[in-house]
Amino acid sequence: MVTVMVIHQSSGTPNKGERVAIGIDGFFSGGITKDQLTDSRGEAHFADVEPCNGRIFVSGQTAYTGRIEGRVIVYI
């Protein structure tokens, strides 16, 4: 399971209602998840995503590139 926490960079507060998706690297195993909306804590949960390399998209924009596992915090 992977959890993405979205934080507003200037205020440091969690962003509720942001669309988050994960792009998973890999020729055969790669792909992109369905969008998840962040909750009141700014978290989007991806129960079926194993640790991987890839990208995190927030509202269609790349917010993070690299290793994705556990909890990843992105600032927008």
PDB file of N, CA and C in Angstrom:
ATOM      1  N   MET A   1       0.846  -1.188   0.000  1.00  0.00           N
ATOM      2  CA  MET A   1       0.000   0.000   0.000  1.00  0.00           C
ATOM      3  C   MET A   1       0.884   1.241   0.000  1.00  0.00           C
ATOM      4  N   VAL A   2       0.454   2.227  -0.746  1.00  0.00           N
ATOM      5  CA  VAL A   2       1.146   3.511  -0.819  1.00  0.00           C
ATOM      6  C   VAL A   2       0.160   4.601  -0.433  1.00  0.00           C
ATOM      7  N   THR A   3       0.618   5.533   0.385  1.00  0.00           N
ATOM      8  CA  THR A   3      -0.170   6.704   0.749  1.00  0.00           C
ATOM      9  C   THR A   3       0.567   7.939   0.263  1.00  0.00           C
ATOM     10  N   VAL A   4      -0.145   8.811  -0.426  1.00  0.00           N
ATOM     11  CA  VAL A   4       0.421  10.078  -0.883  1.00  0.00           C
ATOM     12  C   VAL A   4      -0.234  11.192  -0.086  1.00  0.00           C
ATOM     13  N   MET A   5       0.590  12.011   0.550  1.00  0.00           N
ATOM     14  CA  MET A   5       0.087  13.159   1.302  1.00  0.00           C
ATOM     15  C   MET A   5       0.438  14.417   0.511  1.00  0.00           C
ATOM     16  N   VAL A   6      -0.579  15.239   0.244  1.00  0.00           N
ATOM     17  CA  VAL A   6      -0.394  16.465  -0.534  1.00  0.00           C
ATOM     18  C   VAL A   6      -0.471  17.660   0.413  1.00  0.00           C
ATOM     19  N   ILE A   7       0.608  18.445   0.425  1.00  0.00           N
ATOM     20  CA  ILE A   7       0.724  19.600   1.311  1.00  0.00           C
ATOM     21  C   ILE A   7       0.870  20.868   0.473  1.00  0.00           C
ATOM     22  N   HIS A   8       0.153  21.914   0.860  1.00  0.00           N
ATOM     23  CA  HIS A   8       0.289  23.213   0.204  1.00  0.00           C
ATOM     24  C   HIS A   8       1.619  23.815   0.637  1.00  0.00           C
ATOM     25  N   GLN A   9       2.482  24.091  -0.332  1.00  0.00           N
ATOM     26  CA  GLN A   9       3.851  24.492  -0.033  1.00  0.00           C
ATOM     27  C   GLN A   9       3.944  25.786   0.779  1.00  0.00           C
ATOM     28  N   SER A  10       3.158  26.789   0.447  1.00  0.00           N
ATOM     29  CA  SER A  10       3.308  28.079   1.126  1.00  0.00           C
ATOM     30  C   SER A  10       2.714  28.094   2.530  1.00  0.00           C
ATOM     31  N   SER A  11       1.633  27.341   2.747  1.00  0.00           N
ATOM     32  CA  SER A  11       0.985  27.379   4.064  1.00  0.00           C
ATOM     33  C   SER A  11       1.331  26.176   4.945  1.00  0.00           C
ATOM     34  N   GLY A  12       1.783  25.076   4.324  1.00  0.00           N
ATOM     35  CA  GLY A  12       2.099  23.872   5.083  1.00  0.00           C
ATOM     36  C   GLY A  12       0.883  23.066   5.503  1.00  0.00           C
ATOM     37  N   THR A  13      -0.292  23.404   4.963  1.00  0.00           N
ATOM     38  CA  THR A  13      -1.518  22.697   5.329  1.00  0.00           C
ATOM     39  C   THR A  13      -1.834  21.610   4.304  1.00  0.00           C
ATOM     40  N   PRO A  14      -2.516  20.535   4.744  1.00  0.00           N
ATOM     41  CA  PRO A  14      -2.911  19.475   3.819  1.00  0.00           C
ATOM     42  C   PRO A  14      -3.953  19.982   2.820  1.00  0.00           C
ATOM     43  N   ASN A  15      -3.863  19.474   1.595  1.00  0.00           N
ATOM     44  CA  ASN A  15      -4.819  19.850   0.554  1.00  0.00           C
ATOM     45  C   ASN A  15      -5.893  18.779   0.426  1.00  0.00           C
ATOM     46  N   LYS A  16      -7.129  19.131   0.710  1.00  0.00           N
ATOM     47  CA  LYS A  16      -8.267  18.222   0.588  1.00  0.00           C
ATOM     48  C   LYS A  16      -8.837  18.312  -0.827  1.00  0.00           C
ATOM     49  N   GLY A  17      -9.255  17.169  -1.372  1.00  0.00           N
ATOM     50  CA  GLY A  17      -9.947  17.142  -2.654  1.00  0.00           C
ATOM     51  C   GLY A  17      -9.065  17.216  -3.882  1.00  0.00           C
ATOM     52  N   GLU A  18      -7.759  16.984  -3.735  1.00  0.00           N
ATOM     53  CA  GLU A  18      -6.856  16.971  -4.891  1.00  0.00           C
ATOM     54  C   GLU A  18      -6.925  15.606  -5.577  1.00  0.00           C
ATOM     55  N   ARG A  19      -6.878  15.602  -6.910  1.00  0.00           N
ATOM     56  CA  ARG A  19      -6.827  14.353  -7.677  1.00  0.00           C
ATOM     57  C   ARG A  19      -5.383  13.864  -7.722  1.00  0.00           C
ATOM     58  N   VAL A  20      -5.158  12.641  -7.284  1.00  0.00           N
ATOM     59  CA  VAL A  20      -3.813  12.066  -7.245  1.00  0.00           C
ATOM     60  C   VAL A  20      -3.816  10.753  -8.021  1.00  0.00           C
ATOM     61  N   ALA A  21      -2.772  10.547  -8.825  1.00  0.00           N
ATOM     62  CA  ALA A  21      -2.582   9.280  -9.534  1.00  0.00           C
ATOM     63  C   ALA A  21      -1.102   8.928  -9.482  1.00  0.00           C
ATOM     64  N   ILE A  22      -0.807   7.646  -9.629  1.00  0.00           N
ATOM     65  CA  ILE A  22       0.571   7.172  -9.641  1.00  0.00           C
ATOM     66  C   ILE A  22       0.852   6.534 -10.991  1.00  0.00           C
ATOM     67  N   GLY A  23       1.924   6.982 -11.635  1.00  0.00           N
ATOM     68  CA  GLY A  23       2.416   6.380 -12.866  1.00  0.00           C
ATOM     69  C   GLY A  23       3.543   5.430 -12.515  1.00  0.00           C
ATOM     70  N   ILE A  24       3.366   4.153 -12.783  1.00  0.00           N
ATOM     71  CA  ILE A  24       4.329   3.124 -12.393  1.00  0.00           C
ATOM     72  C   ILE A  24       5.234   2.817 -13.578  1.00  0.00           C
ATOM     73  N   ASP A  25       6.563   2.914 -13.351  1.00  0.00           N
ATOM     74  CA  ASP A  25       7.533   2.609 -14.395  1.00  0.00           C
ATOM     75  C   ASP A  25       7.601   1.111 -14.628  1.00  0.00           C
ATOM     76  N   GLY A  26       7.944   0.731 -15.841  1.00  0.00           N
ATOM     77  CA  GLY A  26       8.135  -0.681 -16.177  1.00  0.00           C
ATOM     78  C   GLY A  26       7.511  -0.996 -17.518  1.00  0.00           C
ATOM     79  N   PHE A  27       8.259  -1.728 -18.342  1.00  0.00           N
ATOM     80  CA  PHE A  27       7.787  -2.031 -19.687  1.00  0.00           C
ATOM     81  C   PHE A  27       6.523  -2.888 -19.664  1.00  0.00           C
ATOM     82  N   PHE A  28       6.534  -3.962 -18.885  1.00  0.00           N
ATOM     83  CA  PHE A  28       5.369  -4.840 -18.808  1.00  0.00           C
ATOM     84  C   PHE A  28       4.495  -4.551 -17.597  1.00  0.00           C
ATOM     85  N   SER A  29       5.125  -4.169 -16.495  1.00  0.00           N
ATOM     86  CA  SER A  29       4.378  -3.977 -15.250  1.00  0.00           C
ATOM     87  C   SER A  29       3.936  -2.537 -15.033  1.00  0.00           C
ATOM     88  N   GLY A  30       4.296  -1.649 -15.945  1.00  0.00           N
ATOM     89  CA  GLY A  30       3.979  -0.231 -15.771  1.00  0.00           C
ATOM     90  C   GLY A  30       2.531   0.093 -16.066  1.00  0.00           C
ATOM     91  N   GLY A  31       2.178   1.322 -15.774  1.00  0.00           N
ATOM     92  CA  GLY A  31       0.826   1.798 -16.021  1.00  0.00           C
ATOM     93  C   GLY A  31       0.524   2.967 -15.116  1.00  0.00           C
ATOM     94  N   ILE A  32      -0.720   3.345 -15.086  1.00  0.00           N
ATOM     95  CA  ILE A  32      -1.135   4.456 -14.241  1.00  0.00           C
ATOM     96  C   ILE A  32      -2.379   4.042 -13.459  1.00  0.00           C
ATOM     97  N   THR A  33      -2.440   4.468 -12.220  1.00  0.00           N
ATOM     98  CA  THR A  33      -3.576   4.117 -11.368  1.00  0.00           C
ATOM     99  C   THR A  33      -4.780   4.994 -11.696  1.00  0.00           C
ATOM    100  N   LYS A  34      -5.914   4.599 -11.186  1.00  0.00           N
ATOM    101  CA  LYS A  34      -7.084   5.476 -11.220  1.00  0.00           C
ATOM    102  C   LYS A  34      -6.864   6.607 -10.228  1.00  0.00           C
ATOM    103  N   ASP A  35      -7.468   7.750 -10.512  1.00  0.00           N
ATOM    104  CA  ASP A  35      -7.361   8.895  -9.607  1.00  0.00           C
ATOM    105  C   ASP A  35      -7.980   8.577  -8.251  1.00  0.00           C
ATOM    106  N   GLN A  36      -7.356   9.086  -7.214  1.00  0.00           N
ATOM    107  CA  GLN A  36      -7.902   9.062  -5.859  1.00  0.00           C
ATOM    108  C   GLN A  36      -7.954  10.508  -5.382  1.00  0.00           C
ATOM    109  N   LEU A  37      -8.971  10.857  -4.631  1.00  0.00           N
ATOM    110  CA  LEU A  37      -9.059  12.205  -4.068  1.00  0.00           C
ATOM    111  C   LEU A  37      -8.461  12.212  -2.672  1.00  0.00           C
ATOM    112  N   THR A  38      -7.745  13.291  -2.355  1.00  0.00           N
ATOM    113  CA  THR A  38      -7.198  13.407  -1.007  1.00  0.00           C
ATOM    114  C   THR A  38      -8.322  13.663  -0.013  1.00  0.00           C
ATOM    115  N   ASP A  39      -8.146  13.111   1.195  1.00  0.00           N
ATOM    116  CA  ASP A  39      -9.135  13.285   2.260  1.00  0.00           C
ATOM    117  C   ASP A  39      -8.832  14.557   3.059  1.00  0.00           C
ATOM    118  N   SER A  40      -9.476  14.721   4.191  1.00  0.00           N
ATOM    119  CA  SER A  40      -9.308  15.939   4.996  1.00  0.00           C
ATOM    120  C   SER A  40      -7.890  16.085   5.548  1.00  0.00           C
ATOM    121  N   ARG A  41      -7.138  14.986   5.582  1.00  0.00           N
ATOM    122  CA  ARG A  41      -5.741  15.034   6.033  1.00  0.00           C
ATOM    123  C   ARG A  41      -4.773  15.203   4.868  1.00  0.00           C
ATOM    124  N   GLY A  42      -5.324  15.384   3.664  1.00  0.00           N
ATOM    125  CA  GLY A  42      -4.483  15.543   2.482  1.00  0.00           C
ATOM    126  C   GLY A  42      -3.915  14.240   1.964  1.00  0.00           C
ATOM    127  N   GLU A  43      -4.503  13.102   2.363  1.00  0.00           N
ATOM    128  CA  GLU A  43      -3.967  11.799   1.994  1.00  0.00           C
ATOM    129  C   GLU A  43      -4.823  11.094   0.943  1.00  0.00           C
ATOM    130  N   ALA A  44      -4.136  10.474  -0.002  1.00  0.00           N
ATOM    131  CA  ALA A  44      -4.771   9.592  -0.982  1.00  0.00           C
ATOM    132  C   ALA A  44      -4.136   8.215  -0.804  1.00  0.00           C
ATOM    133  N   HIS A  45      -4.960   7.178  -0.703  1.00  0.00           N
ATOM    134  CA  HIS A  45      -4.479   5.827  -0.408  1.00  0.00           C
ATOM    135  C   HIS A  45      -4.610   4.940  -1.647  1.00  0.00           C
ATOM    136  N   PHE A  46      -3.543   4.194  -1.927  1.00  0.00           N
ATOM    137  CA  PHE A  46      -3.507   3.280  -3.059  1.00  0.00           C
ATOM    138  C   PHE A  46      -3.195   1.886  -2.519  1.00  0.00           C
ATOM    139  N   ALA A  47      -4.242   1.133  -2.199  1.00  0.00           N
ATOM    140  CA  ALA A  47      -4.096  -0.169  -1.539  1.00  0.00           C
ATOM    141  C   ALA A  47      -3.420  -1.208  -2.424  1.00  0.00           C
ATOM    142  N   ASP A  48      -3.591  -1.120  -3.735  1.00  0.00           N
ATOM    143  CA  ASP A  48      -3.073  -2.150  -4.635  1.00  0.00           C
ATOM    144  C   ASP A  48      -1.708  -1.820  -5.226  1.00  0.00           C
ATOM    145  N   VAL A  49      -1.085  -0.739  -4.801  1.00  0.00           N
ATOM    146  CA  VAL A  49       0.212  -0.344  -5.361  1.00  0.00           C
ATOM    147  C   VAL A  49       1.333  -0.847  -4.455  1.00  0.00           C
ATOM    148  N   GLU A  50       2.225  -1.629  -5.043  1.00  0.00           N
ATOM    149  CA  GLU A  50       3.420  -2.114  -4.346  1.00  0.00           C
ATOM    150  C   GLU A  50       4.528  -1.069  -4.498  1.00  0.00           C
ATOM    151  N   PRO A  51       5.559  -1.108  -3.649  1.00  0.00           N
ATOM    152  CA  PRO A  51       6.688  -0.190  -3.818  1.00  0.00           C
ATOM    153  C   PRO A  51       7.233  -0.271  -5.243  1.00  0.00           C
ATOM    154  N   CYS A  52       7.532   0.873  -5.826  1.00  0.00           N
ATOM    155  CA  CYS A  52       7.934   0.924  -7.225  1.00  0.00           C
ATOM    156  C   CYS A  52       8.675   2.226  -7.506  1.00  0.00           C
ATOM    157  N   ASN A  53       9.186   2.331  -8.716  1.00  0.00           N
ATOM    158  CA  ASN A  53       9.694   3.596  -9.227  1.00  0.00           C
ATOM    159  C   ASN A  53       8.623   4.168 -10.134  1.00  0.00           C
ATOM    160  N   GLY A  54       8.463   5.477 -10.105  1.00  0.00           N
ATOM    161  CA  GLY A  54       7.448   6.076 -10.955  1.00  0.00           C
ATOM    162  C   GLY A  54       7.265   7.548 -10.688  1.00  0.00           C
ATOM    163  N   ARG A  55       6.063   8.025 -10.992  1.00  0.00           N
ATOM    164  CA  ARG A  55       5.733   9.447 -10.848  1.00  0.00           C
ATOM    165  C   ARG A  55       4.414   9.576 -10.110  1.00  0.00           C
ATOM    166  N   ILE A  56       4.299  10.653  -9.359  1.00  0.00           N
ATOM    167  CA  ILE A  56       3.041  10.989  -8.703  1.00  0.00           C
ATOM    168  C   ILE A  56       2.497  12.231  -9.381  1.00  0.00           C
ATOM    169  N   PHE A  57       1.239  12.141  -9.786  1.00  0.00           N
ATOM    170  CA  PHE A  57       0.568  13.261 -10.441  1.00  0.00           C
ATOM    171  C   PHE A  57      -0.474  13.843  -9.497  1.00  0.00           C
ATOM    172  N   VAL A  58      -0.484  15.154  -9.375  1.00  0.00           N
ATOM    173  CA  VAL A  58      -1.498  15.856  -8.589  1.00  0.00           C
ATOM    174  C   VAL A  58      -2.199  16.816  -9.535  1.00  0.00           C
ATOM    175  N   SER A  59      -3.504  16.610  -9.704  1.00  0.00           N
ATOM    176  CA  SER A  59      -4.314  17.414 -10.629  1.00  0.00           C
ATOM    177  C   SER A  59      -3.685  17.475 -12.019  1.00  0.00           C
ATOM    178  N   GLY A  60      -3.161  16.328 -12.476  1.00  0.00           N
ATOM    179  CA  GLY A  60      -2.630  16.212 -13.827  1.00  0.00           C
ATOM    180  C   GLY A  60      -1.198  16.675 -14.011  1.00  0.00           C
ATOM    181  N   GLN A  61      -0.578  17.231 -12.989  1.00  0.00           N
ATOM    182  CA  GLN A  61       0.797  17.721 -13.077  1.00  0.00           C
ATOM    183  C   GLN A  61       1.733  16.790 -12.303  1.00  0.00           C
ATOM    184  N   THR A  62       2.926  16.567 -12.842  1.00  0.00           N
ATOM    185  CA  THR A  62       3.905  15.739 -12.138  1.00  0.00           C
ATOM    186  C   THR A  62       4.370  16.465 -10.885  1.00  0.00           C
ATOM    187  N   ALA A  63       4.168  15.831  -9.721  1.00  0.00           N
ATOM    188  CA  ALA A  63       4.562  16.437  -8.448  1.00  0.00           C
ATOM    189  C   ALA A  63       5.771  15.739  -7.837  1.00  0.00           C
ATOM    190  N   TYR A  64       6.075  14.516  -8.292  1.00  0.00           N
ATOM    191  CA  TYR A  64       7.182  13.752  -7.718  1.00  0.00           C
ATOM    192  C   TYR A  64       7.607  12.695  -8.723  1.00  0.00           C
ATOM    193  N   THR A  65       8.917  12.475  -8.810  1.00  0.00           N
ATOM    194  CA  THR A  65       9.473  11.402  -9.626  1.00  0.00           C
ATOM    195  C   THR A  65      10.521  10.679  -8.797  1.00  0.00           C
ATOM    196  N   GLY A  66      10.446   9.352  -8.753  1.00  0.00           N
ATOM    197  CA  GLY A  66      11.432   8.578  -8.001  1.00  0.00           C
ATOM    198  C   GLY A  66      10.821   7.351  -7.372  1.00  0.00           C
ATOM    199  N   ARG A  67      11.426   6.911  -6.271  1.00  0.00           N
ATOM    200  CA  ARG A  67      10.964   5.718  -5.560  1.00  0.00           C
ATOM    201  C   ARG A  67       9.675   6.030  -4.811  1.00  0.00           C
ATOM    202  N   ILE A  68       8.681   5.165  -4.961  1.00  0.00           N
ATOM    203  CA  ILE A  68       7.379   5.350  -4.322  1.00  0.00           C
ATOM    204  C   ILE A  68       7.126   4.142  -3.431  1.00  0.00           C
ATOM    205  N   GLU A  69       7.074   4.384  -2.122  1.00  0.00           N
ATOM    206  CA  GLU A  69       6.773   3.311  -1.171  1.00  0.00           C
ATOM    207  C   GLU A  69       6.340   3.929   0.146  1.00  0.00           C
ATOM    208  N   GLY A  70       5.504   3.198   0.878  1.00  0.00           N
ATOM    209  CA  GLY A  70       5.035   3.685   2.178  1.00  0.00           C
ATOM    210  C   GLY A  70       4.235   4.967   2.033  1.00  0.00           C
ATOM    211  N   ARG A  71       4.675   6.006   2.728  1.00  0.00           N
ATOM    212  CA  ARG A  71       4.027   7.323   2.646  1.00  0.00           C
ATOM    213  C   ARG A  71       4.974   8.276   1.923  1.00  0.00           C
ATOM    214  N   VAL A  72       4.449   8.925   0.902  1.00  0.00           N
ATOM    215  CA  VAL A  72       5.217   9.915   0.150  1.00  0.00           C
ATOM    216  C   VAL A  72       4.520  11.255   0.338  1.00  0.00           C
ATOM    217  N   ILE A  73       5.284  12.259   0.736  1.00  0.00           N
ATOM    218  CA  ILE A  73       4.736  13.605   0.923  1.00  0.00           C
ATOM    219  C   ILE A  73       5.168  14.459  -0.256  1.00  0.00           C
ATOM    220  N   VAL A  74       4.192  15.090  -0.909  1.00  0.00           N
ATOM    221  CA  VAL A  74       4.498  16.003  -2.010  1.00  0.00           C
ATOM    222  C   VAL A  74       3.984  17.390  -1.661  1.00  0.00           C
ATOM    223  N   TYR A  75       4.736  18.381  -2.085  1.00  0.00           N
ATOM    224  CA  TYR A  75       4.386  19.779  -1.835  1.00  0.00           C
ATOM    225  C   TYR A  75       4.017  20.425  -3.154  1.00  0.00           C
ATOM    226  N   ILE A  76       2.854  21.089  -3.167  1.00  0.00           N
ATOM    227  CA  ILE A  76       2.426  21.760  -4.396  1.00  0.00           C
ATOM    228  C   ILE A  76       2.193  23.234  -4.126  1.00  0.00           C
TER     229      ILE A  76
END
